[in-house]
Amino acid sequence: MALQTAGSLFRPSLQALVAEVFPQESLPRIFSWSGSSTVAGSLSGAALGGILAGFMAIELSLFVVILLYLGAVLTIHLLHYIPVPREEKEEISSFWHEMKEGFRYVHHNRMLYGLFVMLMLGQLTFHTTLGFLSVYTSAHLKQPSIIYGLLDSTFSIGGIIAGLLGTWWWAKCQHRIGITSLLLTAAGLAIVSFTSFVPFAFFGFLLIGIGTSFIRALLQSVQQMATERRFHGRISSLRMLCNQTSVALTGPMFGVTASNYGASTVFLLLLIPVTGGVLWAYVQSRHPAFKKAITAA
C-alpha cells in the first residue's frame, strides 16, 4: 500500500511537471514517448525482478528498487525550466481547499468532464485487462501460462506501438482522436469477448493495448493543454482520483461476474461503457475548447 500510494503521488506530480516544463505543442509527443518508456520500463522491471528474486535476498532487491526511485528523483532535479510564477503573499492552502478549488475549476470548464470520462474508460479498460488476463487465458482460452505471458507481452507491445505512433495519430485524427482511440479499444474488446481462437485473442489484446495507450497519452495531453498552468497539479490529482475510484469500485463486481459467467463476460461488459464512450467522444469532438486544444499542438 505504501508503494502504491507513493506511485499514485508520483504520477500526477510528474505529469503536472511535464506540462510545466515543455511547451504545449510538444505535449502529445512527450506524453506518447513517456508512455512507451513506461511500458518498456515495466517489461524490463518484470524481467529484472525475476532475476533479482532468484539471486538476491529480498532486502537487496528492494534496495535496487529504492536506487531506481532515487535515480528518477535525480533526473527530475536536473531539469532546467522556468517555474510557474506565484504571488508572494500566497499562503499554503490545506488539502481540502486545494481539492475544492480543483473541483470548482472543472465545474467552470465543463469540457474537462468529458475528458475525465474518456480517460477513466481508458484507465478502467487498461487495469481490468491486466487483472483478468490470466483468468481469461486459463479459463476461457484453456491455454498454459506461456500463452498468458505472450498475451501480456502483446498487450504491452500495443502500448509501445501507441507511444511511437502517438504524434502521427494526433496529426492524422485531430479532434477525432477520442473517437478513433475508443473505437480501437472497442474493437479489441469485441474480439476477445467473442473468440476462443488464440490468434484472434492476440490481435484483440494488441488493439486494446494500442487504443488504451492512445487514450491515456493523447487525451491526457488535451487535458493538460486545456488547463491553466497553475491548476495542472490539482486537475491531474482529480483525474487520478476518478480513474482509481472507477477501478476500485468495478473490480469486485467484475470478479463476481468472472466467477459466475466467465472471464470473457468481463470484457463484454466493458464493451458497453466503451461503446457509450465513442458516442460521448463524438459530442466532445465538436466542443470549441476541445478543438482549440487540439489545434494548439
Foldseek 3Di string as FASTA:
>chain_A
DVVVVVVLLPVLVVLLVVLFADDLVCQLLVLLQVLLVVLVVVVVCVVVVVVCVVPHDPVVVVVVVVVVVVVVVVVVVPRDGDGDDDDPPDDDDDPVVLLVVLVVVCVVVVLVVLLLLLLLLLLQLVVLCVVCLVQCCCPQLVDDVVLSVVLVVLLSVLSNVLSVCRVVLLVVQQLCLSLVLLVLLLVLLVQSLPDSDSVSPSVSSSSSSNSSNSSNRVSSSLVSLLDDSVSSSNNSSVSSVSNVVVNVVCVVVLVVCCVPPNNSVSSVVSSVVSVVSSVSSVVSSPDPSSNVSSVVD
